[in-house]
Amino acid sequence: MIIDTHAQLGIVGVGGEQTRWAGYHQRLFGETGRDFSQAVKANIADMDAAEVDKSVVVAVDAETISHFKVSNEEVAKAVALYPDRLIGFASVDPHKGALAIDELERAISELGLKGLKFIPHLIELCPNDKLMYPIYEKAQELDIPVLFHTGTQFHTGTKLKYCLPIFVDEVAVDFPELKIIIAHFGYPWFAEAMAIVQRNENVYFNIAGWAPKYIPELVITYMNSVLPNKALFGSDYPMLPRKRILAELRQLNLKQESLNKLLSENAKRLLKL
């Protein structure tokens, strides 16, 4: 079984065509991004072409600061269409206070979503901002993983300072039972990200959004040595076709055991599949 732990739904979302990065989203999602049904079908077709069995698809709630949202309902609707293929991750806007906590409870308990996603630069909060802490307490109570965008990004007019992986370390220490995923291995701060994953039992990292032939050698070394149980396959579809990612992964100097853990075993354990 191959499990993609990080993909976009593939739709433009509410406000997506009015943001400063509308052109970027248009290039990324294309015409199918305006049609929910077509976007979901394209996502499944990409999975089929790569022989990927299951994929996480993520919501985005950045309404207060960025006026942008891919709703939990839309993610749940996609999962309902393909319940054996898609796994939904919720998103909530911390600026909404108690409403965000209520929404997380609803997304997990009623909509059946299985994790939580934050894009720090779109909400203009570092992961260790104390405004986030009540949400982490709820996520820990619900026993769901939290996925953070970390590292560089391409949303025009947003600030990279919110995306440094070092901020995740404080969250991991303060919430030792909370499972955390550092997305994109924190590039260009990947050495820092590897250190955070190594020192915190509850922290994982994924390789989403990267053509494997460009993954830094240090990250591959960690996947093969001290962190084989912490690495997760992710595509960040539609950034790259999953078929290309998997073909390039199989060309890397990865031990077969490390590859099996990356593609399947670690995600099974984390997502309780």
C-alpha atoms as a PDB file:
ATOM      1  CA  MET A   1       0.000   0.000   0.000  1.00  0.00           C
ATOM      2  CA  ILE A   2       1.280   3.471  -0.944  1.00  0.00           C
ATOM      3  CA  ILE A   3       0.009   6.391   1.142  1.00  0.00           C
ATOM      4  CA  ASP A   4       0.379  10.047   0.185  1.00  0.00           C
ATOM      5  CA  THR A   5       0.267  12.033   3.446  1.00  0.00           C
ATOM      6  CA  HIS A   6       0.032  15.521   1.924  1.00  0.00           C
ATOM      7  CA  ALA A   7      -1.978  16.661  -1.098  1.00  0.00           C
ATOM      8  CA  GLN A   8      -4.152  19.618  -1.996  1.00  0.00           C
ATOM      9  CA  LEU A   9      -7.768  19.025  -2.916  1.00  0.00           C
ATOM     10  CA  GLY A  10      -7.038  20.829  -6.189  1.00  0.00           C
ATOM     11  CA  ILE A  11      -9.677  23.572  -6.047  1.00  0.00           C
ATOM     12  CA  VAL A  12      -9.129  27.323  -6.094  1.00  0.00           C
ATOM     13  CA  GLY A  13     -11.131  27.810  -2.888  1.00  0.00           C
ATOM     14  CA  VAL A  14     -13.132  30.741  -1.543  1.00  0.00           C
ATOM     15  CA  GLY A  15     -11.255  33.967  -2.234  1.00  0.00           C
ATOM     16  CA  GLY A  16      -8.531  32.158  -4.140  1.00  0.00           C
ATOM     17  CA  GLU A  17      -9.029  34.215  -7.301  1.00  0.00           C
ATOM     18  CA  GLN A  18      -8.979  37.513  -5.387  1.00  0.00           C
ATOM     19  CA  THR A  19      -5.736  36.970  -3.457  1.00  0.00           C
ATOM     20  CA  ARG A  20      -2.350  38.474  -4.283  1.00  0.00           C
ATOM     21  CA  TRP A  21      -1.245  35.020  -5.381  1.00  0.00           C
ATOM     22  CA  ALA A  22      -4.224  34.330  -7.683  1.00  0.00           C
ATOM     23  CA  GLY A  23      -1.945  33.856 -10.689  1.00  0.00           C
ATOM     24  CA  TYR A  24       0.095  31.249  -8.830  1.00  0.00           C
ATOM     25  CA  HIS A  25      -3.057  29.299  -7.944  1.00  0.00           C
ATOM     26  CA  GLN A  26      -4.304  29.526 -11.518  1.00  0.00           C
ATOM     27  CA  ARG A  27      -1.061  28.012 -12.810  1.00  0.00           C
ATOM     28  CA  LEU A  28      -1.144  25.350 -10.093  1.00  0.00           C
ATOM     29  CA  PHE A  29      -4.775  24.255 -10.314  1.00  0.00           C
ATOM     30  CA  GLY A  30      -5.642  25.103 -13.924  1.00  0.00           C
ATOM     31  CA  GLU A  31      -9.202  25.093 -15.196  1.00  0.00           C
ATOM     32  CA  THR A  32     -10.194  22.046 -13.128  1.00  0.00           C
ATOM     33  CA  GLY A  33      -9.577  24.113  -9.986  1.00  0.00           C
ATOM     34  CA  ARG A  34     -12.841  25.965 -10.588  1.00  0.00           C
ATOM     35  CA  ASP A  35     -14.916  22.760 -10.721  1.00  0.00           C
ATOM     36  CA  PHE A  36     -15.086  20.668  -7.543  1.00  0.00           C
ATOM     37  CA  SER A  37     -16.118  17.434  -9.259  1.00  0.00           C
ATOM     38  CA  GLN A  38     -13.454  17.700 -11.959  1.00  0.00           C
ATOM     39  CA  ALA A  39     -10.779  18.592  -9.407  1.00  0.00           C
ATOM     40  CA  VAL A  40     -11.510  15.554  -7.268  1.00  0.00           C
ATOM     41  CA  LYS A  41     -11.619  13.264 -10.321  1.00  0.00           C
ATOM     42  CA  ALA A  42      -8.265  14.642 -11.497  1.00  0.00           C
ATOM     43  CA  ASN A  43      -6.789  13.980  -8.065  1.00  0.00           C
ATOM     44  CA  ILE A  44      -7.969  10.361  -8.115  1.00  0.00           C
ATOM     45  CA  ALA A  45      -6.724   9.930 -11.689  1.00  0.00           C
ATOM     46  CA  ASP A  46      -3.281  11.137 -10.612  1.00  0.00           C
ATOM     47  CA  MET A  47      -3.331   8.614  -7.756  1.00  0.00           C
ATOM     48  CA  ASP A  48      -4.356   5.834 -10.133  1.00  0.00           C
ATOM     49  CA  ALA A  49      -1.580   6.675 -12.599  1.00  0.00           C
ATOM     50  CA  ALA A  50       0.978   6.346  -9.788  1.00  0.00           C
ATOM     51  CA  GLU A  51      -0.698   3.345  -8.129  1.00  0.00           C
ATOM     52  CA  VAL A  52      -1.150   5.317  -4.916  1.00  0.00           C
ATOM     53  CA  ASP A  53      -3.746   3.638  -2.712  1.00  0.00           C
ATOM     54  CA  LYS A  54      -4.682   6.442  -0.323  1.00  0.00           C
ATOM     55  CA  SER A  55      -4.042  10.169  -0.054  1.00  0.00           C
ATOM     56  CA  VAL A  56      -4.533  12.818   2.572  1.00  0.00           C
ATOM     57  CA  VAL A  57      -6.269  15.929   1.193  1.00  0.00           C
ATOM     58  CA  VAL A  58      -6.139  19.129   3.226  1.00  0.00           C
ATOM     59  CA  ALA A  59      -8.435  22.025   4.001  1.00  0.00           C
ATOM     60  CA  VAL A  60      -7.158  25.594   4.412  1.00  0.00           C
ATOM     61  CA  ASP A  61      -8.722  28.200   6.708  1.00  0.00           C
ATOM     62  CA  ALA A  62      -6.963  31.557   6.502  1.00  0.00           C
ATOM     63  CA  GLU A  63     -10.032  33.769   6.268  1.00  0.00           C
ATOM     64  CA  THR A  64      -9.142  36.419   8.841  1.00  0.00           C
ATOM     65  CA  ILE A  65      -5.733  37.423   7.466  1.00  0.00           C
ATOM     66  CA  SER A  66      -5.653  36.156   3.881  1.00  0.00           C
ATOM     67  CA  HIS A  67      -9.382  35.973   3.064  1.00  0.00           C
ATOM     68  CA  PHE A  68      -8.840  32.488   1.688  1.00  0.00           C
ATOM     69  CA  LYS A  69     -10.461  29.170   2.495  1.00  0.00           C
ATOM     70  CA  VAL A  70     -10.825  25.597   1.274  1.00  0.00           C
ATOM     71  CA  SER A  71     -13.502  24.448   3.664  1.00  0.00           C
ATOM     72  CA  ASN A  72     -13.670  21.385   5.862  1.00  0.00           C
ATOM     73  CA  GLU A  73     -17.028  20.616   4.252  1.00  0.00           C
ATOM     74  CA  GLU A  74     -15.467  20.475   0.788  1.00  0.00           C
ATOM     75  CA  VAL A  75     -12.750  18.117   1.996  1.00  0.00           C
ATOM     76  CA  ALA A  76     -15.344  15.934   3.732  1.00  0.00           C
ATOM     77  CA  LYS A  77     -17.440  15.912   0.545  1.00  0.00           C
ATOM     78  CA  ALA A  78     -14.447  14.693  -1.469  1.00  0.00           C
ATOM     79  CA  VAL A  79     -13.730  11.972   1.086  1.00  0.00           C
ATOM     80  CA  ALA A  80     -17.373  10.884   0.943  1.00  0.00           C
ATOM     81  CA  LEU A  81     -17.054  10.420  -2.830  1.00  0.00           C
ATOM     82  CA  TYR A  82     -13.943   8.235  -2.444  1.00  0.00           C
ATOM     83  CA  PRO A  83     -13.948   6.947   1.147  1.00  0.00           C
ATOM     84  CA  ASP A  84     -11.479   4.158   0.433  1.00  0.00           C
ATOM     85  CA  ARG A  85      -9.010   6.473  -1.280  1.00  0.00           C
ATOM     86  CA  LEU A  86      -9.051   9.865   0.454  1.00  0.00           C
ATOM     87  CA  ILE A  87      -8.300  10.897   4.044  1.00  0.00           C
ATOM     88  CA  GLY A  88      -9.351  14.411   5.042  1.00  0.00           C
ATOM     89  CA  PHE A  89      -7.380  16.855   7.175  1.00  0.00           C
ATOM     90  CA  ALA A  90      -9.257  19.812   8.628  1.00  0.00           C
ATOM     91  CA  SER A  91      -8.106  23.397   8.981  1.00  0.00           C
ATOM     92  CA  VAL A  92      -9.225  26.092  11.407  1.00  0.00           C
ATOM     93  CA  ASP A  93      -8.386  29.785  11.752  1.00  0.00           C
ATOM     94  CA  PRO A  94      -6.840  30.477  15.188  1.00  0.00           C
ATOM     95  CA  HIS A  95      -7.888  34.126  14.957  1.00  0.00           C
ATOM     96  CA  LYS A  96     -11.488  32.953  15.398  1.00  0.00           C
ATOM     97  CA  GLY A  97     -10.801  31.938  19.000  1.00  0.00           C
ATOM     98  CA  ALA A  98     -13.323  29.579  20.589  1.00  0.00           C
ATOM     99  CA  LEU A  99     -15.095  29.194  17.246  1.00  0.00           C
ATOM    100  CA  ALA A 100     -11.946  27.567  15.846  1.00  0.00           C
ATOM    101  CA  ILE A 101     -11.914  24.994  18.638  1.00  0.00           C
ATOM    102  CA  ASP A 102     -15.606  24.252  18.106  1.00  0.00           C
ATOM    103  CA  GLU A 103     -14.999  23.903  14.368  1.00  0.00           C
ATOM    104  CA  LEU A 104     -12.148  21.458  14.937  1.00  0.00           C
ATOM    105  CA  GLU A 105     -14.345  19.340  17.194  1.00  0.00           C
ATOM    106  CA  ARG A 106     -17.075  19.353  14.528  1.00  0.00           C
ATOM    107  CA  ALA A 107     -14.684  18.578  11.687  1.00  0.00           C
ATOM    108  CA  ILE A 108     -13.340  15.509  13.455  1.00  0.00           C
ATOM    109  CA  SER A 109     -16.410  14.246  15.310  1.00  0.00           C
ATOM    110  CA  GLU A 110     -19.095  15.032  12.719  1.00  0.00           C
ATOM    111  CA  LEU A 111     -17.348  15.345   9.357  1.00  0.00           C
ATOM    112  CA  GLY A 112     -14.974  12.454  10.016  1.00  0.00           C
ATOM    113  CA  LEU A 113     -11.740  14.247   9.170  1.00  0.00           C
ATOM    114  CA  LYS A 114      -8.553  12.718  10.557  1.00  0.00           C
ATOM    115  CA  GLY A 115      -5.984  15.492  11.075  1.00  0.00           C
ATOM    116  CA  LEU A 116      -5.331  19.238  11.115  1.00  0.00           C
ATOM    117  CA  LYS A 117      -3.377  21.470   8.706  1.00  0.00           C
ATOM    118  CA  PHE A 118      -1.894  24.928   9.259  1.00  0.00           C
ATOM    119  CA  ILE A 119      -0.181  27.246   6.774  1.00  0.00           C
ATOM    120  CA  PRO A 120       1.530  29.688   9.153  1.00  0.00           C
ATOM    121  CA  HIS A 121       2.320  32.473   6.656  1.00  0.00           C
ATOM    122  CA  LEU A 122      -1.329  32.701   5.581  1.00  0.00           C
ATOM    123  CA  ILE A 123      -2.514  33.153   9.169  1.00  0.00           C
ATOM    124  CA  GLU A 124       0.535  35.221  10.174  1.00  0.00           C
ATOM    125  CA  LEU A 125       1.199  33.165  13.276  1.00  0.00           C
ATOM    126  CA  CYS A 126       4.291  31.158  14.150  1.00  0.00           C
ATOM    127  CA  PRO A 127       3.476  27.631  15.324  1.00  0.00           C
ATOM    128  CA  ASN A 128       4.610  28.487  18.877  1.00  0.00           C
ATOM    129  CA  ASP A 129       2.302  31.509  19.171  1.00  0.00           C
ATOM    130  CA  LYS A 130       0.249  31.026  22.317  1.00  0.00           C
ATOM    131  CA  LEU A 131      -2.925  31.859  20.367  1.00  0.00           C
ATOM    132  CA  MET A 132      -2.485  28.406  18.827  1.00  0.00           C
ATOM    133  CA  TYR A 133      -2.184  26.515  22.092  1.00  0.00           C
ATOM    134  CA  PRO A 134      -5.894  25.925  22.871  1.00  0.00           C
ATOM    135  CA  ILE A 135      -6.214  24.351  19.410  1.00  0.00           C
ATOM    136  CA  TYR A 136      -3.278  22.056  20.093  1.00  0.00           C
ATOM    137  CA  GLU A 137      -4.894  21.036  23.378  1.00  0.00           C
ATOM    138  CA  LYS A 138      -8.055  20.082  21.489  1.00  0.00           C
ATOM    139  CA  ALA A 139      -6.075  18.244  18.778  1.00  0.00           C
ATOM    140  CA  GLN A 140      -4.168  16.325  21.442  1.00  0.00           C
ATOM    141  CA  GLU A 141      -7.468  15.435  23.113  1.00  0.00           C
ATOM    142  CA  LEU A 142      -8.887  14.273  19.772  1.00  0.00           C
ATOM    143  CA  ASP A 143      -5.689  12.280  19.124  1.00  0.00           C
ATOM    144  CA  ILE A 144      -5.126  13.648  15.619  1.00  0.00           C
ATOM    145  CA  PRO A 145      -1.864  14.658  13.884  1.00  0.00           C
ATOM    146  CA  VAL A 146      -1.110  18.298  13.102  1.00  0.00           C
ATOM    147  CA  LEU A 147       0.578  19.126   9.792  1.00  0.00           C
ATOM    148  CA  PHE A 148       2.511  22.400   9.452  1.00  0.00           C
ATOM    149  CA  HIS A 149       3.732  23.984   6.280  1.00  0.00           C
ATOM    150  CA  THR A 150       7.391  24.811   6.925  1.00  0.00           C
ATOM    151  CA  GLY A 151      10.154  26.264   4.797  1.00  0.00           C
ATOM    152  CA  THR A 152       9.976  28.341   1.662  1.00  0.00           C
ATOM    153  CA  GLN A 153       6.729  29.151  -0.130  1.00  0.00           C
ATOM    154  CA  PHE A 154       5.442  31.082  -3.125  1.00  0.00           C
ATOM    155  CA  HIS A 155       2.459  33.112  -1.914  1.00  0.00           C
ATOM    156  CA  THR A 156       3.227  36.657  -3.055  1.00  0.00           C
ATOM    157  CA  GLY A 157       3.224  39.251  -0.286  1.00  0.00           C
ATOM    158  CA  THR A 158       3.467  36.770   2.601  1.00  0.00           C
ATOM    159  CA  LYS A 159       6.344  36.492   5.066  1.00  0.00           C
ATOM    160  CA  LEU A 160       8.711  33.570   5.340  1.00  0.00           C
ATOM    161  CA  LYS A 161       9.507  34.205   9.005  1.00  0.00           C
ATOM    162  CA  TYR A 162       6.371  32.314  10.074  1.00  0.00           C
ATOM    163  CA  CYS A 163       7.582  29.132   8.375  1.00  0.00           C
ATOM    164  CA  LEU A 164      10.810  28.381  10.218  1.00  0.00           C
ATOM    165  CA  PRO A 165      10.778  24.796  11.553  1.00  0.00           C
ATOM    166  CA  ILE A 166      12.461  25.789  14.827  1.00  0.00           C
ATOM    167  CA  PHE A 167       9.098  27.050  16.124  1.00  0.00           C
ATOM    168  CA  VAL A 168       7.739  23.500  15.936  1.00  0.00           C
ATOM    169  CA  ASP A 169      10.239  22.337  18.549  1.00  0.00           C
ATOM    170  CA  GLU A 170       8.566  24.374  21.300  1.00  0.00           C
ATOM    171  CA  VAL A 171       5.147  22.980  20.378  1.00  0.00           C
ATOM    172  CA  ALA A 172       6.493  19.427  20.398  1.00  0.00           C
ATOM    173  CA  VAL A 173       7.982  19.892  23.857  1.00  0.00           C
ATOM    174  CA  ASP A 174       4.884  21.586  25.283  1.00  0.00           C
ATOM    175  CA  PHE A 175       2.528  18.957  23.798  1.00  0.00           C
ATOM    176  CA  PRO A 176       4.428  15.657  24.002  1.00  0.00           C
ATOM    177  CA  GLU A 177       1.362  13.555  23.114  1.00  0.00           C
ATOM    178  CA  LEU A 178       0.567  15.604  20.012  1.00  0.00           C
ATOM    179  CA  LYS A 179       1.728  14.038  16.738  1.00  0.00           C
ATOM    180  CA  ILE A 180       3.287  16.699  14.493  1.00  0.00           C
ATOM    181  CA  ILE A 181       4.376  16.645  10.852  1.00  0.00           C
ATOM    182  CA  ILE A 182       6.950  19.115   9.493  1.00  0.00           C
ATOM    183  CA  ALA A 183       6.023  19.487   5.822  1.00  0.00           C
ATOM    184  CA  HIS A 184       8.566  19.884   3.010  1.00  0.00           C
ATOM    185  CA  PHE A 185      11.384  18.931   5.444  1.00  0.00           C
ATOM    186  CA  GLY A 186      11.614  22.628   6.292  1.00  0.00           C
ATOM    187  CA  TYR A 187      13.725  23.577   3.261  1.00  0.00           C
ATOM    188  CA  PRO A 188      16.033  25.488   3.269  1.00  0.00           C
ATOM    189  CA  TRP A 189      16.297  24.855   7.029  1.00  0.00           C
ATOM    190  CA  PHE A 190      16.350  21.089   6.569  1.00  0.00           C
ATOM    191  CA  ALA A 191      19.242  20.387   8.964  1.00  0.00           C
ATOM    192  CA  GLU A 192      17.307  22.204  11.672  1.00  0.00           C
ATOM    193  CA  ALA A 193      14.175  20.223  10.785  1.00  0.00           C
ATOM    194  CA  MET A 194      16.031  16.900  10.991  1.00  0.00           C
ATOM    195  CA  ALA A 195      17.341  17.852  14.446  1.00  0.00           C
ATOM    196  CA  ILE A 196      13.819  18.697  15.636  1.00  0.00           C
ATOM    197  CA  VAL A 197      12.438  15.396  14.336  1.00  0.00           C
ATOM    198  CA  GLN A 198      15.306  13.432  15.869  1.00  0.00           C
ATOM    199  CA  ARG A 199      15.028  14.973  19.340  1.00  0.00           C
ATOM    200  CA  ASN A 200      11.217  14.845  19.602  1.00  0.00           C
ATOM    201  CA  GLU A 201       9.563  11.451  19.553  1.00  0.00           C
ATOM    202  CA  ASN A 202       6.247  12.985  18.478  1.00  0.00           C
ATOM    203  CA  VAL A 203       7.549  14.813  15.365  1.00  0.00           C
ATOM    204  CA  TYR A 204       7.660  13.482  11.780  1.00  0.00           C
ATOM    205  CA  PHE A 205       8.594  15.080   8.447  1.00  0.00           C
ATOM    206  CA  ASN A 206       7.361  14.690   4.887  1.00  0.00           C
ATOM    207  CA  ILE A 207       8.934  15.213   1.473  1.00  0.00           C
ATOM    208  CA  ALA A 208       5.869  16.839  -0.119  1.00  0.00           C
ATOM    209  CA  GLY A 209       6.313  19.271  -2.982  1.00  0.00           C
ATOM    210  CA  TRP A 210       9.780  18.070  -3.957  1.00  0.00           C
ATOM    211  CA  ALA A 211      11.037  16.228  -6.982  1.00  0.00           C
ATOM    212  CA  PRO A 212      13.079  13.548  -5.190  1.00  0.00           C
ATOM    213  CA  LYS A 213      16.167  14.061  -7.324  1.00  0.00           C
ATOM    214  CA  TYR A 214      16.502  17.486  -5.679  1.00  0.00           C
ATOM    215  CA  ILE A 215      16.086  16.325  -2.075  1.00  0.00           C
ATOM    216  CA  PRO A 216      19.263  17.294  -0.173  1.00  0.00           C
ATOM    217  CA  GLU A 217      21.656  14.425   0.485  1.00  0.00           C
ATOM    218  CA  LEU A 218      21.520  15.119   4.224  1.00  0.00           C
ATOM    219  CA  VAL A 219      17.787  14.395   4.280  1.00  0.00           C
ATOM    220  CA  ILE A 220      18.286  11.133   2.389  1.00  0.00           C
ATOM    221  CA  THR A 221      21.031  10.155   4.846  1.00  0.00           C
ATOM    222  CA  TYR A 222      18.662  10.721   7.758  1.00  0.00           C
ATOM    223  CA  MET A 223      15.933   8.685   6.019  1.00  0.00           C
ATOM    224  CA  ASN A 224      18.391   5.819   5.672  1.00  0.00           C
ATOM    225  CA  SER A 225      19.913   5.999   9.146  1.00  0.00           C
ATOM    226  CA  VAL A 226      18.496   7.618  12.289  1.00  0.00           C
ATOM    227  CA  LEU A 227      15.035   8.654  11.040  1.00  0.00           C
ATOM    228  CA  PRO A 228      13.645   5.849   8.853  1.00  0.00           C
ATOM    229  CA  ASN A 229      10.584   5.631  11.119  1.00  0.00           C
ATOM    230  CA  LYS A 230       9.829   9.349  10.904  1.00  0.00           C
ATOM    231  CA  ALA A 231       9.803  10.027   7.140  1.00  0.00           C
ATOM    232  CA  LEU A 232       6.529  10.282   5.212  1.00  0.00           C
ATOM    233  CA  PHE A 233       5.756  10.267   1.500  1.00  0.00           C
ATOM    234  CA  GLY A 234       3.831  13.330   0.358  1.00  0.00           C
ATOM    235  CA  SER A 235       3.227  14.806  -3.076  1.00  0.00           C
ATOM    236  CA  ASP A 236       1.648  18.216  -2.438  1.00  0.00           C
ATOM    237  CA  TYR A 237      -0.426  17.399  -5.522  1.00  0.00           C
ATOM    238  CA  PRO A 238      -0.964  19.162  -7.895  1.00  0.00           C
ATOM    239  CA  MET A 239       2.526  20.622  -7.440  1.00  0.00           C
ATOM    240  CA  LEU A 240       4.003  17.491  -9.029  1.00  0.00           C
ATOM    241  CA  PRO A 241       2.532  14.314 -10.533  1.00  0.00           C
ATOM    242  CA  ARG A 242       2.740  11.465  -8.057  1.00  0.00           C
ATOM    243  CA  LYS A 243       3.962   9.128 -10.799  1.00  0.00           C
ATOM    244  CA  ARG A 244       7.066  11.273 -11.337  1.00  0.00           C
ATOM    245  CA  ILE A 245       7.750  11.506  -7.597  1.00  0.00           C
ATOM    246  CA  LEU A 246       7.571   7.751  -7.097  1.00  0.00           C
ATOM    247  CA  ALA A 247       9.718   7.020 -10.142  1.00  0.00           C
ATOM    248  CA  GLU A 248      12.417   9.368  -8.866  1.00  0.00           C
ATOM    249  CA  LEU A 249      12.172   8.039  -5.317  1.00  0.00           C
ATOM    250  CA  ARG A 250      12.954   4.565  -6.577  1.00  0.00           C
ATOM    251  CA  GLN A 251      16.111   5.927  -8.229  1.00  0.00           C
ATOM    252  CA  LEU A 252      17.481   7.352  -4.990  1.00  0.00           C
ATOM    253  CA  ASN A 253      20.032   5.644  -2.809  1.00  0.00           C
ATOM    254  CA  LEU A 254      17.355   4.536  -0.329  1.00  0.00           C
ATOM    255  CA  LYS A 255      17.438   1.177   1.380  1.00  0.00           C
ATOM    256  CA  GLN A 256      14.400  -0.933   0.511  1.00  0.00           C
ATOM    257  CA  GLU A 257      13.400  -0.982   4.174  1.00  0.00           C
ATOM    258  CA  SER A 258      13.591   2.817   4.331  1.00  0.00           C
ATOM    259  CA  LEU A 259      11.540   3.141   1.143  1.00  0.00           C
ATOM    260  CA  ASN A 260       8.852   0.789   2.475  1.00  0.00           C
ATOM    261  CA  LYS A 261       8.590   2.829   5.671  1.00  0.00           C
ATOM    262  CA  LEU A 262       8.467   6.086   3.729  1.00  0.00           C
ATOM    263  CA  LEU A 263       5.731   4.977   1.350  1.00  0.00           C
ATOM    264  CA  SER A 264       3.551   2.966   3.693  1.00  0.00           C
ATOM    265  CA  GLU A 265       4.520   1.750   7.132  1.00  0.00           C
ATOM    266  CA  ASN A 266       5.092   5.087   8.877  1.00  0.00           C
ATOM    267  CA  ALA A 267       1.860   6.579   7.535  1.00  0.00           C
ATOM    268  CA  LYS A 268      -0.112   3.489   8.513  1.00  0.00           C
ATOM    269  CA  ARG A 269       1.103   3.863  12.063  1.00  0.00           C
ATOM    270  CA  LEU A 270       0.609   7.623  12.259  1.00  0.00           C
ATOM    271  CA  LEU A 271      -2.833   7.632  10.633  1.00  0.00           C
ATOM    272  CA  LYS A 272      -3.943   4.419  12.349  1.00  0.00           C
ATOM    273  CA  LEU A 273      -4.784   2.648   9.095  1.00  0.00           C
END
